[in-house]
Protein backbone atom coordinates (compact mmCIF):
# COMPACT_ATOMS: atom_id res chain seq x y z
CA UNK A 1 30.19 -41.12 5.87
CA UNK A 2 32.90 -43.82 5.82
CA UNK A 3 34.42 -44.83 2.53
CA UNK A 4 32.21 -46.80 0.20
CA UNK A 5 33.64 -50.40 0.00
CA UNK A 6 33.21 -52.77 -2.89
CA UNK A 7 31.70 -56.04 -1.71
CA UNK A 8 29.50 -54.52 0.78
CA UNK A 9 25.58 -53.99 0.34
CA UNK A 10 24.72 -50.49 -0.20
CA UNK A 11 21.12 -48.87 -0.49
CA UNK A 12 18.63 -46.34 0.58
CA UNK A 13 16.27 -46.04 3.47
CA UNK A 14 13.53 -43.56 2.60
CA UNK A 15 11.63 -42.37 5.71
CA UNK A 16 8.50 -40.86 4.17
CA UNK A 17 7.58 -39.34 7.55
CA UNK A 18 9.86 -36.47 6.96
CA UNK A 19 9.45 -36.17 3.13
CA UNK A 20 8.27 -32.51 2.40
CA UNK A 21 7.54 -33.36 -1.34
CA UNK A 22 10.34 -30.77 -2.49
CA UNK A 23 11.39 -32.88 -5.40
CA UNK A 24 15.17 -31.99 -4.89
CA UNK A 25 15.82 -35.61 -5.41
CA UNK A 26 14.24 -35.69 -8.72
CA UNK A 27 16.18 -32.79 -9.94
CA UNK A 28 19.41 -33.91 -8.64
CA UNK A 29 18.87 -37.39 -10.11
CA UNK A 30 18.19 -35.86 -13.58
CA UNK A 31 21.15 -33.41 -13.49
CA UNK A 32 23.75 -36.04 -12.62
CA UNK A 33 22.42 -38.62 -14.80
CA UNK A 34 21.88 -36.18 -17.68
CA UNK A 35 18.14 -37.27 -18.17
CA UNK A 36 16.08 -34.90 -20.33
CA UNK A 37 12.85 -35.90 -18.51
CA UNK A 38 9.56 -34.88 -19.77
CA UNK A 39 7.56 -31.57 -20.28
CA UNK A 40 5.92 -30.96 -16.91
CA UNK A 41 2.06 -31.56 -16.99
CA UNK A 42 0.04 -31.26 -13.78
CA UNK A 43 -1.90 -34.51 -13.11
CA UNK A 44 -3.57 -35.42 -9.86
CA UNK A 45 -2.73 -32.89 -7.36
CA UNK A 46 0.82 -31.69 -7.15
CA UNK A 47 2.26 -34.59 -9.03
CA UNK A 48 3.67 -33.31 -12.27
CA UNK A 49 5.99 -36.32 -12.83
CA UNK A 50 3.42 -39.08 -12.97
CA UNK A 51 5.59 -42.14 -12.81
CA UNK A 52 9.13 -43.81 -13.00
CA UNK A 53 10.49 -44.51 -16.66
CA UNK A 54 13.45 -44.38 -18.79
CA UNK A 55 13.73 -40.49 -18.30
CA UNK A 56 12.63 -40.48 -14.47
CA UNK A 57 14.53 -42.55 -12.01
CA UNK A 58 13.07 -40.57 -8.92
CA UNK A 59 9.53 -39.94 -8.58
CA UNK A 60 7.96 -38.05 -5.65
CA UNK A 61 4.52 -39.29 -5.10
CA UNK A 62 1.76 -37.05 -3.54
CA UNK A 63 -1.45 -38.70 -2.04
CA UNK A 64 -4.16 -36.42 -0.44
CA UNK A 65 -5.06 -38.00 2.68
CA UNK A 66 -7.05 -35.21 4.03
CA UNK A 67 -10.70 -36.15 4.70
CA UNK A 68 -13.49 -34.04 3.01
CA UNK A 69 -15.11 -33.55 6.43
CA UNK A 70 -13.88 -31.03 8.92
CA UNK A 71 -11.62 -32.21 11.63
CA UNK A 72 -11.19 -31.37 15.39
CA UNK A 73 -8.03 -29.70 16.57
CA UNK A 74 -5.22 -32.16 16.88
CA UNK A 75 -7.03 -34.57 14.62
CA UNK A 76 -5.79 -33.64 11.31
CA UNK A 77 -4.38 -35.91 8.71
CA UNK A 78 -1.41 -35.08 6.51
CA UNK A 79 -0.57 -36.04 2.86
CA UNK A 80 1.32 -39.01 2.10
CA UNK A 81 4.58 -38.17 0.29
CA UNK A 82 7.33 -40.73 -0.90
CA UNK A 83 10.17 -40.39 -3.14
CA UNK A 84 9.93 -43.67 -5.24
CA UNK A 85 12.82 -45.48 -6.77
CA UNK A 86 14.08 -48.81 -8.15
CA UNK A 87 14.23 -51.11 -4.99
CA UNK A 88 17.33 -52.93 -6.23
CA UNK A 89 15.60 -56.23 -5.01
CA UNK A 90 17.48 -59.29 -3.70
CA UNK A 91 15.32 -61.52 -5.90
CA UNK A 92 15.19 -59.33 -8.95
CA UNK A 93 12.80 -60.61 -11.55
CA UNK A 94 14.29 -58.22 -14.21
CA UNK A 95 17.53 -59.98 -13.89
CA UNK A 96 15.78 -63.56 -14.18
CA UNK A 97 14.06 -62.60 -17.46
CA UNK A 98 17.10 -60.69 -19.22
CA UNK A 99 18.10 -62.86 -22.41
CA UNK A 100 21.51 -61.18 -22.73
CA UNK A 101 22.69 -60.96 -19.10
CA UNK A 102 22.48 -57.40 -19.31
CA UNK A 103 21.26 -57.00 -15.88
CA UNK A 104 23.74 -57.70 -13.20
CA UNK A 105 24.34 -57.29 -9.59
CA UNK A 106 27.25 -55.06 -8.94
CA UNK A 107 29.92 -55.10 -6.37
CA UNK A 108 27.72 -52.92 -4.32
CA UNK A 109 24.86 -55.36 -4.46
CA UNK A 110 22.83 -52.97 -6.55
CA UNK A 111 21.01 -54.04 -9.72
CA UNK A 112 22.46 -52.47 -12.80
CA UNK A 113 21.38 -52.65 -16.52
CA UNK A 114 24.68 -52.56 -18.99
CA UNK A 115 23.66 -50.32 -21.70
CA UNK A 116 26.04 -51.85 -24.27
CA UNK A 117 24.73 -55.39 -23.71
CA UNK A 118 20.91 -54.56 -23.55
CA UNK A 119 19.15 -55.37 -26.73
CA UNK A 120 16.03 -53.66 -26.03
CA UNK A 121 13.65 -56.60 -25.70
CA UNK A 122 11.72 -54.89 -22.89
CA UNK A 123 11.27 -58.40 -21.01
CA UNK A 124 12.61 -56.61 -17.80
CA UNK A 125 9.97 -53.80 -18.31
CA UNK A 126 7.27 -56.39 -18.18
CA UNK A 127 8.83 -58.44 -15.31
CA UNK A 128 9.42 -55.53 -12.84
CA UNK A 129 6.69 -55.68 -10.16
CA UNK A 130 7.25 -52.05 -9.19
CA UNK A 131 7.12 -50.72 -12.92
CA UNK A 132 10.47 -48.91 -12.53
CA UNK A 133 12.00 -49.58 -15.96
CA UNK A 134 11.56 -47.91 -19.07
CA UNK A 135 12.78 -47.95 -22.61
CA UNK A 136 14.73 -44.92 -23.90
CA UNK A 137 12.94 -43.25 -26.98
CA UNK A 138 16.22 -42.25 -28.60
CA UNK A 139 18.50 -45.61 -27.80
CA UNK A 140 15.46 -48.24 -27.20
CA UNK A 141 17.59 -49.56 -24.33
CA UNK A 142 16.11 -50.22 -21.09
CA UNK A 143 16.96 -47.66 -18.27
CA UNK A 144 16.33 -47.09 -14.46
CA UNK A 145 17.89 -46.03 -11.20
CA UNK A 146 21.67 -47.26 -11.09
CA UNK A 147 22.07 -46.27 -7.42
CA UNK A 148 24.58 -43.73 -8.93
CA UNK A 149 26.93 -46.69 -9.87
CA UNK A 150 29.51 -44.19 -11.24
CA UNK A 151 29.33 -42.12 -7.95
CA UNK A 152 29.82 -45.16 -5.87
CA UNK A 153 32.85 -46.15 -7.75
CA UNK A 154 34.31 -42.94 -6.90
CA UNK A 155 33.30 -42.91 -3.27
CA UNK A 156 30.54 -40.43 -3.52
CA UNK A 157 27.10 -40.51 -2.11
CA UNK A 158 24.14 -41.01 -4.83
CA UNK A 159 22.90 -37.55 -5.87
CA UNK A 160 19.41 -37.87 -4.65
CA UNK A 161 20.54 -38.58 -1.05
CA UNK A 162 23.08 -35.88 -1.19
CA UNK A 163 20.35 -33.35 -2.16
CA UNK A 164 17.58 -34.31 0.14
CA UNK A 165 17.15 -31.45 2.63
CA UNK A 166 15.30 -33.49 5.34
CA UNK A 167 17.24 -36.73 5.22
CA UNK A 168 14.12 -38.60 4.15
CA UNK A 169 16.47 -40.39 1.58
CA UNK A 170 19.58 -41.92 3.64
CA UNK A 171 22.17 -43.99 1.75
CA UNK A 172 24.67 -46.31 3.57
CA UNK A 173 25.26 -49.95 4.05
CA UNK A 174 22.10 -51.85 4.04
CA UNK A 175 22.70 -53.48 7.44
CA UNK A 176 23.34 -50.22 9.05
CA UNK A 177 20.28 -48.58 7.40
CA UNK A 178 18.21 -51.28 8.72
CA UNK A 179 19.24 -50.57 12.26
CA UNK A 180 18.47 -46.98 11.60
CA UNK A 181 15.05 -47.79 10.36
CA UNK A 182 14.14 -50.04 13.19
CA UNK A 183 14.95 -47.15 15.76
CA UNK A 184 13.11 -44.43 13.69
CA UNK A 185 9.90 -46.82 13.62
CA UNK A 186 10.36 -47.36 17.47
CA UNK A 187 10.38 -43.53 17.93
CA UNK A 188 7.17 -43.02 15.91
CA UNK A 189 5.39 -45.72 17.55
CA UNK A 190 6.32 -44.28 20.86
CA UNK A 191 4.70 -41.22 19.82
CA UNK A 192 1.60 -42.82 19.05
CA UNK A 193 1.89 -43.03 15.22
CA UNK A 194 0.44 -46.52 15.02
CA UNK A 195 0.07 -46.67 11.27
CA UNK A 196 3.98 -46.35 10.53
CA UNK A 197 5.60 -49.51 9.25
CA UNK A 198 8.57 -50.73 7.53
CA UNK A 199 8.42 -51.97 3.89
CA UNK A 200 11.11 -54.13 2.20
CA UNK A 201 13.44 -54.25 5.30
CA UNK A 202 13.51 -57.95 5.53
CA UNK A 203 13.25 -60.98 3.18
CA UNK A 204 9.48 -61.13 3.25
CA UNK A 205 9.35 -58.82 0.17
CA UNK A 206 11.26 -60.20 -2.88
CA UNK A 207 13.98 -61.55 -0.68
CA UNK A 208 14.53 -57.90 0.96
CA UNK A 209 14.92 -54.70 -0.86
CA UNK A 210 18.22 -52.66 -0.79
CA UNK A 211 15.93 -49.62 -1.18
CA UNK A 212 13.34 -49.94 1.48
CA UNK A 213 10.89 -47.55 3.08
CA UNK A 214 9.36 -46.48 6.29
CA UNK A 215 5.60 -45.96 5.26
CA UNK A 216 2.67 -43.92 6.99
CA UNK A 217 0.02 -46.09 5.55
CA UNK A 218 -0.61 -49.51 3.98
CA UNK A 219 1.68 -50.13 1.17
CA UNK A 220 -1.14 -50.23 -1.41
CA UNK A 221 -1.58 -46.39 -0.82
CA UNK A 222 1.69 -45.95 -2.48
CA UNK A 223 1.05 -48.33 -5.17
CA UNK A 224 3.37 -51.04 -3.70
CA UNK A 225 2.53 -54.74 -3.58
CA UNK A 226 1.61 -56.11 0.12
CA UNK A 227 3.94 -58.78 1.69
CA UNK A 228 1.63 -61.52 0.64
CA UNK A 229 1.93 -60.67 -3.26
CA UNK A 230 5.55 -59.57 -2.97
CA UNK A 231 7.16 -62.90 -4.07
CA UNK A 232 8.45 -64.06 -7.38
CA UNK A 233 6.13 -66.16 -9.67
CA UNK A 234 5.85 -69.69 -8.68
CA UNK A 235 7.81 -70.96 -11.59
CA UNK A 236 10.95 -69.37 -9.96
CA UNK A 237 10.82 -71.23 -6.84
CA UNK A 238 11.11 -74.91 -5.68
CA UNK A 239 7.45 -75.00 -4.69
CA UNK A 240 6.56 -73.77 -8.28
CA UNK A 241 8.70 -76.75 -9.63
CA UNK A 242 7.27 -79.26 -7.41
CA UNK A 243 3.75 -78.38 -8.46
CA UNK A 244 4.54 -78.39 -12.06
CA UNK A 245 6.03 -81.76 -11.73
CA UNK A 246 3.12 -83.22 -9.95
CA UNK A 247 0.81 -81.65 -12.49
CA UNK A 248 2.67 -83.25 -15.38
CA UNK A 249 2.79 -86.66 -13.83
CA UNK A 250 -1.10 -86.52 -13.15
CA UNK A 251 -1.52 -85.29 -16.80
CA UNK A 252 0.45 -88.42 -18.00
CA UNK A 253 -1.49 -90.72 -15.73
CA UNK A 254 -4.84 -89.21 -17.11
CA UNK A 255 -3.74 -89.65 -20.72
CA UNK A 256 -2.78 -93.22 -20.33
CA UNK A 257 -6.10 -94.02 -18.53
CA UNK A 258 -8.02 -92.34 -21.39
CA UNK A 259 -6.00 -93.89 -23.99
CA UNK A 260 -6.64 -97.35 -22.31
CA UNK A 261 -10.34 -96.93 -22.21
CA UNK A 262 -10.39 -95.65 -25.77
CA UNK A 263 -8.70 -98.75 -26.95
CA UNK A 264 -11.06 -101.08 -24.94
CA UNK A 265 -13.99 -99.26 -26.53
CA UNK A 266 -12.61 -99.83 -30.09
CA UNK A 267 -11.99 -103.54 -29.72
CA UNK A 268 -15.49 -104.17 -27.99
CA UNK A 269 -16.18 -107.01 -25.73
CA UNK A 270 -14.40 -110.17 -26.01
CA UNK A 271 -16.55 -113.26 -27.59
CA UNK A 272 -17.84 -115.59 -25.10
């Protein structure tokens, strides 16, 4: 891979069609970032991680997509597996609500929480639509995937992408990853895999995700909001401000009308 250059947007393209659920990405992430993790406890199926939080910055999801009834040869259904991670959104709601500006956009266009500036208010945890941020039980500060910021500064590929044996997790300039993703989708569609789709590769999902995915089913199957819901709250866009302004004007006018009618009622009809 060419040298990692500051000033260029970098990210992940995760191709779930070749994820084998090995969890090498989870292990590599914890080892490099010195995350203690949690005691393993088997949940639903083979998922012993559960969710992303302060100690888990990569989470391999397992979704049993096999029907209960018998299938005919060649008509089987595979499990859905996906290595989930912070999306490093272009329109990052966590950045908008941070009162101390602890959450910044780096020179690699990733979203990074500065641990020495975070005051532990947890606003970002509530604001994140993907539920990827957690508060450290020891320090109280918010933590999530950093896109291996320290490795990028030293011209090194993020640990998870380096460890992935099937190249399900691909790292590189976002512009190049989008081209790679489009070609991969074309190949799958050509093979008759009609359910394959890209998620977060364009601005329809929170302005675009620097960590985007090729999915093998609807986004909701992976716990992701669909494109219709993947927008910032209305208070954060021009339409929201316009609606609020119109509502305020109508409220004032309504109040004036009510006040005038009350005044007329108190004074009573004028003497003839």
